[in-house]
Amino acid sequence: MHGKIIPFATNVAAPKTTTRILDAAEALFMEHGFEATTLRAITGTAGVNLAAVNYHFGSKEELFQAVLTRRLDPMNEARLALLTRLEHDYAPKPVPCEKILTALFVPALELARDRHRGGENFLRLLGRAYADPAPFIRKFLSDQYAVMIARFKAAFGRALPRLPRKELSWRLHFIMGALSYTLAGTDAAKLIAELTPHETNNDEALLRRLAPFLLAGLQAPMAASADVTRELDGELARRR
């Protein structure tokens, strides 16, 4: 009889243990970054021993990936579902750029409002992860975002048919960089708090202000870009 009860109890306890570990790791990685966070700190916060972390996740790198995947997978699925719906609604015409940005931002805003899914703390962790120099983190994020980025790049390409693909790739790179820096930085959050103290969600306010800026960058004419490049080249030449 006991032989039947013990496996059942173990199965019930396992999800609680993994959740505690993930929650503790998420909070500590967000506050201190990947390198500065130790497994000892995670186990102490989660109230588990090191063997539990090794059993459920393996290494600290694998635990970090699990922390990101837990939130990223649902968010990216929601982004793709929203983009698919927009493409269906606008077919056979391309989806406008502002609507594509909406599909990119709305799931992030929904996550920022939902503490049960990590809330604004997870978005800040994601921003820190993008800025982290560790090669495995960059490769993981690149792989994790590959399908989503490809879909959004194709949608932006249809919306901006005159923009060369190479230029579009650069602009999407800048979009993701601006998004991650904005979420990771504390200076912008402080600015929101000072200028609009009534805002209850800083990350939501930041994303709403970032979207028009990114849209303008996406739709900027190539001629203007060329003029800026020539101006920069001229200034560099004068300084030599």
C-alpha atoms as a PDB file:
ATOM      1  CA  MET A   1       0.000   0.000   0.000  1.00  0.00           C
ATOM      2  CA  HIS A   2       2.821   2.367   0.870  1.00  0.00           C
ATOM      3  CA  GLY A   3       4.494   1.475  -2.418  1.00  0.00           C
ATOM      4  CA  LYS A   4       1.516   2.966  -4.244  1.00  0.00           C
ATOM      5  CA  ILE A   5       1.305   6.098  -2.143  1.00  0.00           C
ATOM      6  CA  ILE A   6       4.974   7.172  -2.357  1.00  0.00           C
ATOM      7  CA  PRO A   7       5.151   7.538  -6.188  1.00  0.00           C
ATOM      8  CA  PHE A   8       1.847   9.428  -6.122  1.00  0.00           C
ATOM      9  CA  ALA A   9       3.155  11.844  -3.459  1.00  0.00           C
ATOM     10  CA  THR A  10       6.386  12.345  -5.399  1.00  0.00           C
ATOM     11  CA  ASN A  11       4.482  13.224  -8.563  1.00  0.00           C
ATOM     12  CA  VAL A  12       2.359  15.744  -6.691  1.00  0.00           C
ATOM     13  CA  ALA A  13       5.368  17.385  -5.014  1.00  0.00           C
ATOM     14  CA  ALA A  14       7.544  17.645  -8.149  1.00  0.00           C
ATOM     15  CA  PRO A  15       5.633  20.496  -9.854  1.00  0.00           C
ATOM     16  CA  LYS A  16       5.702  22.529  -6.632  1.00  0.00           C
ATOM     17  CA  THR A  17       9.449  22.058  -6.356  1.00  0.00           C
ATOM     18  CA  THR A  18      10.120  23.043  -9.960  1.00  0.00           C
ATOM     19  CA  THR A  19       7.866  26.072  -9.644  1.00  0.00           C
ATOM     20  CA  ARG A  20       9.673  27.256  -6.513  1.00  0.00           C
ATOM     21  CA  ILE A  21      13.016  26.841  -8.231  1.00  0.00           C
ATOM     22  CA  LEU A  22      11.879  28.667 -11.367  1.00  0.00           C
ATOM     23  CA  ASP A  23      10.307  31.513  -9.393  1.00  0.00           C
ATOM     24  CA  ALA A  24      13.401  31.978  -7.248  1.00  0.00           C
ATOM     25  CA  ALA A  25      15.745  31.802 -10.238  1.00  0.00           C
ATOM     26  CA  GLU A  26      13.641  34.279 -12.208  1.00  0.00           C
ATOM     27  CA  ALA A  27      13.702  36.837  -9.391  1.00  0.00           C
ATOM     28  CA  LEU A  28      17.433  36.466  -8.725  1.00  0.00           C
ATOM     29  CA  PHE A  29      18.460  36.459 -12.385  1.00  0.00           C
ATOM     30  CA  MET A  30      16.400  39.613 -12.906  1.00  0.00           C
ATOM     31  CA  GLU A  31      17.988  41.374  -9.924  1.00  0.00           C
ATOM     32  CA  HIS A  32      21.612  40.284 -10.308  1.00  0.00           C
ATOM     33  CA  GLY A  33      22.040  38.941 -13.839  1.00  0.00           C
ATOM     34  CA  PHE A  34      23.114  35.470 -14.899  1.00  0.00           C
ATOM     35  CA  GLU A  35      26.781  35.553 -13.931  1.00  0.00           C
ATOM     36  CA  ALA A  36      26.293  37.077 -10.477  1.00  0.00           C
ATOM     37  CA  THR A  37      23.510  34.670  -9.474  1.00  0.00           C
ATOM     38  CA  THR A  38      24.704  31.467  -7.816  1.00  0.00           C
ATOM     39  CA  LEU A  39      22.912  28.159  -7.536  1.00  0.00           C
ATOM     40  CA  ARG A  40      23.380  28.416  -3.777  1.00  0.00           C
ATOM     41  CA  ALA A  41      21.398  31.663  -3.744  1.00  0.00           C
ATOM     42  CA  ILE A  42      18.670  30.062  -5.860  1.00  0.00           C
ATOM     43  CA  THR A  43      18.396  26.955  -3.690  1.00  0.00           C
ATOM     44  CA  GLY A  44      18.333  29.079  -0.532  1.00  0.00           C
ATOM     45  CA  THR A  45      15.539  31.278  -1.873  1.00  0.00           C
ATOM     46  CA  ALA A  46      13.563  28.312  -3.209  1.00  0.00           C
ATOM     47  CA  GLY A  47      14.026  26.267  -0.033  1.00  0.00           C
ATOM     48  CA  VAL A  48      15.431  23.245  -1.863  1.00  0.00           C
ATOM     49  CA  ASN A  49      18.794  21.506  -2.023  1.00  0.00           C
ATOM     50  CA  LEU A  50      21.220  21.509  -4.925  1.00  0.00           C
ATOM     51  CA  ALA A  51      20.296  17.948  -5.833  1.00  0.00           C
ATOM     52  CA  ALA A  52      16.760  19.106  -6.648  1.00  0.00           C
ATOM     53  CA  VAL A  53      18.055  21.733  -9.093  1.00  0.00           C
ATOM     54  CA  ASN A  54      20.387  19.223 -10.730  1.00  0.00           C
ATOM     55  CA  TYR A  55      17.627  16.631 -10.967  1.00  0.00           C
ATOM     56  CA  HIS A  56      14.996  18.904 -12.518  1.00  0.00           C
ATOM     57  CA  PHE A  57      17.161  21.225 -14.628  1.00  0.00           C
ATOM     58  CA  GLY A  58      20.801  20.133 -14.723  1.00  0.00           C
ATOM     59  CA  SER A  59      23.178  23.090 -14.957  1.00  0.00           C
ATOM     60  CA  LYS A  60      22.667  26.767 -14.169  1.00  0.00           C
ATOM     61  CA  GLU A  61      22.640  27.435 -17.926  1.00  0.00           C
ATOM     62  CA  GLU A  62      19.805  24.962 -18.431  1.00  0.00           C
ATOM     63  CA  LEU A  63      17.901  26.474 -15.512  1.00  0.00           C
ATOM     64  CA  PHE A  64      18.256  29.943 -17.039  1.00  0.00           C
ATOM     65  CA  GLN A  65      16.911  28.641 -20.339  1.00  0.00           C
ATOM     66  CA  ALA A  66      13.976  27.031 -18.532  1.00  0.00           C
ATOM     67  CA  VAL A  67      13.193  30.333 -16.795  1.00  0.00           C
ATOM     68  CA  LEU A  68      13.042  32.116 -20.155  1.00  0.00           C
ATOM     69  CA  THR A  69      11.189  29.355 -21.988  1.00  0.00           C
ATOM     70  CA  ARG A  70       8.435  29.221 -19.382  1.00  0.00           C
ATOM     71  CA  ARG A  71       7.428  32.783 -20.299  1.00  0.00           C
ATOM     72  CA  LEU A  72       8.720  33.174 -23.855  1.00  0.00           C
ATOM     73  CA  ASP A  73       6.910  30.241 -25.420  1.00  0.00           C
ATOM     74  CA  PRO A  74       3.382  31.441 -24.511  1.00  0.00           C
ATOM     75  CA  MET A  75       4.243  35.056 -25.389  1.00  0.00           C
ATOM     76  CA  ASN A  76       5.646  34.142 -28.784  1.00  0.00           C
ATOM     77  CA  GLU A  77       2.716  31.835 -29.508  1.00  0.00           C
ATOM     78  CA  ALA A  78       0.373  34.722 -28.722  1.00  0.00           C
ATOM     79  CA  ARG A  79       2.357  37.020 -31.028  1.00  0.00           C
ATOM     80  CA  LEU A  80       2.181  34.558 -33.896  1.00  0.00           C
ATOM     81  CA  ALA A  81      -1.522  33.902 -33.334  1.00  0.00           C
ATOM     82  CA  LEU A  82      -2.264  37.634 -33.385  1.00  0.00           C
ATOM     83  CA  LEU A  83      -0.183  38.137 -36.536  1.00  0.00           C
ATOM     84  CA  THR A  84      -1.943  35.212 -38.229  1.00  0.00           C
ATOM     85  CA  ARG A  85      -5.329  36.734 -37.388  1.00  0.00           C
ATOM     86  CA  LEU A  86      -4.280  40.115 -38.767  1.00  0.00           C
ATOM     87  CA  GLU A  87      -2.992  38.523 -41.984  1.00  0.00           C
ATOM     88  CA  HIS A  88      -6.327  36.762 -42.403  1.00  0.00           C
ATOM     89  CA  ASP A  89      -8.274  39.982 -41.753  1.00  0.00           C
ATOM     90  CA  TYR A  90      -6.248  42.075 -44.220  1.00  0.00           C
ATOM     91  CA  ALA A  91      -5.777  39.445 -46.960  1.00  0.00           C
ATOM     92  CA  PRO A  92      -4.999  39.789 -49.793  1.00  0.00           C
ATOM     93  CA  LYS A  93      -3.470  43.133 -48.776  1.00  0.00           C
ATOM     94  CA  PRO A  94      -0.400  43.284 -46.514  1.00  0.00           C
ATOM     95  CA  VAL A  95      -0.877  44.032 -42.834  1.00  0.00           C
ATOM     96  CA  PRO A  96       0.054  47.688 -42.091  1.00  0.00           C
ATOM     97  CA  CYS A  97       3.265  48.241 -40.131  1.00  0.00           C
ATOM     98  CA  GLU A  98       1.494  49.697 -37.113  1.00  0.00           C
ATOM     99  CA  LYS A  99      -0.697  46.602 -36.856  1.00  0.00           C
ATOM    100  CA  ILE A 100       2.331  44.309 -37.104  1.00  0.00           C
ATOM    101  CA  LEU A 101       3.951  46.230 -34.260  1.00  0.00           C
ATOM    102  CA  THR A 102       0.715  45.773 -32.333  1.00  0.00           C
ATOM    103  CA  ALA A 103       1.041  42.003 -32.729  1.00  0.00           C
ATOM    104  CA  LEU A 104       4.590  42.268 -31.414  1.00  0.00           C
ATOM    105  CA  PHE A 105       3.787  44.513 -28.457  1.00  0.00           C
ATOM    106  CA  VAL A 106       0.333  43.507 -27.185  1.00  0.00           C
ATOM    107  CA  PRO A 107       1.383  40.060 -25.867  1.00  0.00           C
ATOM    108  CA  ALA A 108       4.301  41.733 -24.083  1.00  0.00           C
ATOM    109  CA  LEU A 109       1.913  44.269 -22.561  1.00  0.00           C
ATOM    110  CA  GLU A 110      -0.425  41.480 -21.448  1.00  0.00           C
ATOM    111  CA  LEU A 111       2.500  39.687 -19.837  1.00  0.00           C
ATOM    112  CA  ALA A 112       3.575  42.905 -18.089  1.00  0.00           C
ATOM    113  CA  ARG A 113       0.122  43.136 -16.481  1.00  0.00           C
ATOM    114  CA  ASP A 114       0.043  39.489 -15.360  1.00  0.00           C
ATOM    115  CA  ARG A 115       2.098  38.768 -12.228  1.00  0.00           C
ATOM    116  CA  HIS A 116       1.280  35.069 -12.489  1.00  0.00           C
ATOM    117  CA  ARG A 117       3.234  34.994 -15.769  1.00  0.00           C
ATOM    118  CA  GLY A 118       6.184  36.972 -14.458  1.00  0.00           C
ATOM    119  CA  GLY A 119       4.798  40.442 -15.066  1.00  0.00           C
ATOM    120  CA  GLU A 120       7.081  43.406 -15.571  1.00  0.00           C
ATOM    121  CA  ASN A 121       9.922  41.645 -13.717  1.00  0.00           C
ATOM    122  CA  PHE A 122      10.153  38.999 -16.416  1.00  0.00           C
ATOM    123  CA  LEU A 123      10.221  41.623 -19.165  1.00  0.00           C
ATOM    124  CA  ARG A 124      13.146  43.255 -17.364  1.00  0.00           C
ATOM    125  CA  LEU A 125      14.853  39.889 -17.100  1.00  0.00           C
ATOM    126  CA  LEU A 126      14.363  39.395 -20.835  1.00  0.00           C
ATOM    127  CA  GLY A 127      15.904  42.787 -21.464  1.00  0.00           C
ATOM    128  CA  ARG A 128      18.888  41.898 -19.299  1.00  0.00           C
ATOM    129  CA  ALA A 129      19.245  38.596 -21.127  1.00  0.00           C
ATOM    130  CA  TYR A 130      19.484  40.389 -24.474  1.00  0.00           C
ATOM    131  CA  ALA A 131      22.222  42.628 -23.101  1.00  0.00           C
ATOM    132  CA  ASP A 132      24.132  39.750 -21.499  1.00  0.00           C
ATOM    133  CA  PRO A 133      27.427  38.954 -23.255  1.00  0.00           C
ATOM    134  CA  ALA A 134      27.290  35.208 -22.498  1.00  0.00           C
ATOM    135  CA  PRO A 135      27.397  33.406 -25.892  1.00  0.00           C
ATOM    136  CA  PHE A 136      25.004  30.637 -24.836  1.00  0.00           C
ATOM    137  CA  ILE A 137      22.326  33.211 -23.921  1.00  0.00           C
ATOM    138  CA  ARG A 138      22.574  34.959 -27.281  1.00  0.00           C
ATOM    139  CA  LYS A 139      22.417  31.654 -29.144  1.00  0.00           C
ATOM    140  CA  PHE A 140      19.472  30.476 -27.064  1.00  0.00           C
ATOM    141  CA  LEU A 141      17.500  33.676 -27.657  1.00  0.00           C
ATOM    142  CA  SER A 142      18.321  33.588 -31.356  1.00  0.00           C
ATOM    143  CA  ASP A 143      17.048  30.019 -31.623  1.00  0.00           C
ATOM    144  CA  GLN A 144      14.034  30.721 -29.409  1.00  0.00           C
ATOM    145  CA  TYR A 145      12.969  33.712 -31.500  1.00  0.00           C
ATOM    146  CA  ALA A 146      13.889  32.317 -34.944  1.00  0.00           C
ATOM    147  CA  VAL A 147      10.397  31.260 -36.062  1.00  0.00           C
ATOM    148  CA  MET A 148       8.724  34.372 -34.693  1.00  0.00           C
ATOM    149  CA  ILE A 149      11.281  36.764 -36.189  1.00  0.00           C
ATOM    150  CA  ALA A 150      11.016  35.055 -39.583  1.00  0.00           C
ATOM    151  CA  ARG A 151       7.225  35.477 -39.592  1.00  0.00           C
ATOM    152  CA  PHE A 152       7.359  39.119 -38.543  1.00  0.00           C
ATOM    153  CA  LYS A 153      10.165  39.868 -40.992  1.00  0.00           C
ATOM    154  CA  ALA A 154       8.057  38.435 -43.809  1.00  0.00           C
ATOM    155  CA  ALA A 155       5.054  40.516 -42.710  1.00  0.00           C
ATOM    156  CA  PHE A 156       7.109  43.721 -42.539  1.00  0.00           C
ATOM    157  CA  GLY A 157       8.606  42.858 -45.923  1.00  0.00           C
ATOM    158  CA  ARG A 158       5.133  42.725 -47.490  1.00  0.00           C
ATOM    159  CA  ALA A 159       4.177  45.982 -45.792  1.00  0.00           C
ATOM    160  CA  LEU A 160       7.392  47.696 -46.956  1.00  0.00           C
ATOM    161  CA  PRO A 161       7.989  46.194 -50.416  1.00  0.00           C
ATOM    162  CA  ARG A 162      10.386  48.954 -51.512  1.00  0.00           C
ATOM    163  CA  LEU A 163      12.693  48.441 -48.550  1.00  0.00           C
ATOM    164  CA  PRO A 164      15.641  46.165 -49.405  1.00  0.00           C
ATOM    165  CA  ARG A 165      15.711  42.955 -47.388  1.00  0.00           C
ATOM    166  CA  LYS A 166      19.141  43.766 -45.971  1.00  0.00           C
ATOM    167  CA  GLU A 167      17.913  47.157 -44.752  1.00  0.00           C
ATOM    168  CA  LEU A 168      14.804  45.537 -43.260  1.00  0.00           C
ATOM    169  CA  SER A 169      16.985  43.056 -41.369  1.00  0.00           C
ATOM    170  CA  TRP A 170      18.981  45.928 -39.869  1.00  0.00           C
ATOM    171  CA  ARG A 171      15.844  47.798 -38.832  1.00  0.00           C
ATOM    172  CA  LEU A 172      14.337  44.721 -37.175  1.00  0.00           C
ATOM    173  CA  HIS A 173      17.636  44.213 -35.362  1.00  0.00           C
ATOM    174  CA  PHE A 174      17.401  47.781 -34.054  1.00  0.00           C
ATOM    175  CA  ILE A 175      13.774  47.227 -33.014  1.00  0.00           C
ATOM    176  CA  MET A 176      14.636  44.220 -30.872  1.00  0.00           C
ATOM    177  CA  GLY A 177      17.668  46.032 -29.455  1.00  0.00           C
ATOM    178  CA  ALA A 178      15.638  49.126 -28.534  1.00  0.00           C
ATOM    179  CA  LEU A 179      12.922  46.955 -26.999  1.00  0.00           C
ATOM    180  CA  SER A 180      15.341  44.941 -24.874  1.00  0.00           C
ATOM    181  CA  TYR A 181      17.314  48.005 -23.738  1.00  0.00           C
ATOM    182  CA  THR A 182      14.133  49.853 -22.799  1.00  0.00           C
ATOM    183  CA  LEU A 183      12.860  46.957 -20.730  1.00  0.00           C
ATOM    184  CA  ALA A 184      16.215  46.277 -19.071  1.00  0.00           C
ATOM    185  CA  GLY A 185      17.058  49.876 -18.177  1.00  0.00           C
ATOM    186  CA  THR A 186      15.959  51.612 -15.006  1.00  0.00           C
ATOM    187  CA  ASP A 187      16.525  55.168 -16.262  1.00  0.00           C
ATOM    188  CA  ALA A 188      13.481  55.100 -18.538  1.00  0.00           C
ATOM    189  CA  ALA A 189      11.318  53.674 -15.754  1.00  0.00           C
ATOM    190  CA  LYS A 190      12.429  56.501 -13.485  1.00  0.00           C
ATOM    191  CA  LEU A 191      11.575  59.002 -16.217  1.00  0.00           C
ATOM    192  CA  ILE A 192       8.056  57.586 -16.530  1.00  0.00           C
ATOM    193  CA  ALA A 193       7.617  57.726 -12.752  1.00  0.00           C
ATOM    194  CA  GLU A 194       8.720  61.373 -12.664  1.00  0.00           C
ATOM    195  CA  LEU A 195       6.774  62.642 -15.681  1.00  0.00           C
ATOM    196  CA  THR A 196       3.624  60.546 -15.346  1.00  0.00           C
ATOM    197  CA  PRO A 197       3.315  59.434 -11.711  1.00  0.00           C
ATOM    198  CA  HIS A 198      -0.251  58.228 -12.343  1.00  0.00           C
ATOM    199  CA  GLU A 199       1.022  55.359 -14.495  1.00  0.00           C
ATOM    200  CA  THR A 200       0.604  52.077 -12.610  1.00  0.00           C
ATOM    201  CA  ASN A 201       2.662  49.912 -14.965  1.00  0.00           C
ATOM    202  CA  ASN A 202       5.961  51.404 -16.058  1.00  0.00           C
ATOM    203  CA  ASP A 203       6.696  48.744 -18.663  1.00  0.00           C
ATOM    204  CA  GLU A 204       3.311  49.214 -20.297  1.00  0.00           C
ATOM    205  CA  ALA A 205       3.891  52.976 -20.416  1.00  0.00           C
ATOM    206  CA  LEU A 206       7.366  52.486 -21.874  1.00  0.00           C
ATOM    207  CA  LEU A 207       6.161  50.148 -24.609  1.00  0.00           C
ATOM    208  CA  ARG A 208       3.351  52.510 -25.601  1.00  0.00           C
ATOM    209  CA  ARG A 209       5.847  55.342 -25.989  1.00  0.00           C
ATOM    210  CA  LEU A 210       8.383  53.176 -27.789  1.00  0.00           C
ATOM    211  CA  ALA A 211       5.972  51.909 -30.470  1.00  0.00           C
ATOM    212  CA  PRO A 212       5.588  55.220 -32.420  1.00  0.00           C
ATOM    213  CA  PHE A 213       9.349  55.702 -32.348  1.00  0.00           C
ATOM    214  CA  LEU A 214       9.957  52.246 -33.797  1.00  0.00           C
ATOM    215  CA  LEU A 215       7.256  52.720 -36.420  1.00  0.00           C
ATOM    216  CA  ALA A 216       8.915  55.923 -37.620  1.00  0.00           C
ATOM    217  CA  GLY A 217      12.246  54.126 -37.875  1.00  0.00           C
ATOM    218  CA  LEU A 218      10.752  51.242 -39.831  1.00  0.00           C
ATOM    219  CA  GLN A 219       9.078  53.537 -42.339  1.00  0.00           C
ATOM    220  CA  ALA A 220      11.953  56.029 -42.715  1.00  0.00           C
ATOM    221  CA  PRO A 221      12.800  56.551 -46.395  1.00  0.00           C
ATOM    222  CA  MET A 222      16.082  55.169 -47.644  1.00  0.00           C
ATOM    223  CA  ALA A 223      17.116  58.596 -48.981  1.00  0.00           C
ATOM    224  CA  ALA A 224      17.080  60.024 -45.463  1.00  0.00           C
ATOM    225  CA  SER A 225      19.230  57.145 -44.275  1.00  0.00           C
ATOM    226  CA  ALA A 226      21.716  57.815 -47.054  1.00  0.00           C
ATOM    227  CA  ASP A 227      21.855  61.505 -46.143  1.00  0.00           C
ATOM    228  CA  VAL A 228      22.588  60.664 -42.521  1.00  0.00           C
ATOM    229  CA  THR A 229      25.318  58.255 -43.569  1.00  0.00           C
ATOM    230  CA  ARG A 230      27.002  60.887 -45.745  1.00  0.00           C
ATOM    231  CA  GLU A 231      26.780  63.415 -42.912  1.00  0.00           C
ATOM    232  CA  LEU A 232      28.390  60.966 -40.493  1.00  0.00           C
ATOM    233  CA  ASP A 233      31.134  60.112 -42.983  1.00  0.00           C
ATOM    234  CA  GLY A 234      31.821  63.797 -43.521  1.00  0.00           C
ATOM    235  CA  GLU A 235      32.019  64.515 -39.794  1.00  0.00           C
ATOM    236  CA  LEU A 236      34.377  61.572 -39.230  1.00  0.00           C
ATOM    237  CA  ALA A 237      36.585  62.757 -42.082  1.00  0.00           C
ATOM    238  CA  ARG A 238      36.791  66.259 -40.555  1.00  0.00           C
ATOM    239  CA  ARG A 239      37.821  64.841 -37.195  1.00  0.00           C
ATOM    240  CA  ARG A 240      40.689  62.798 -38.587  1.00  0.00           C
END
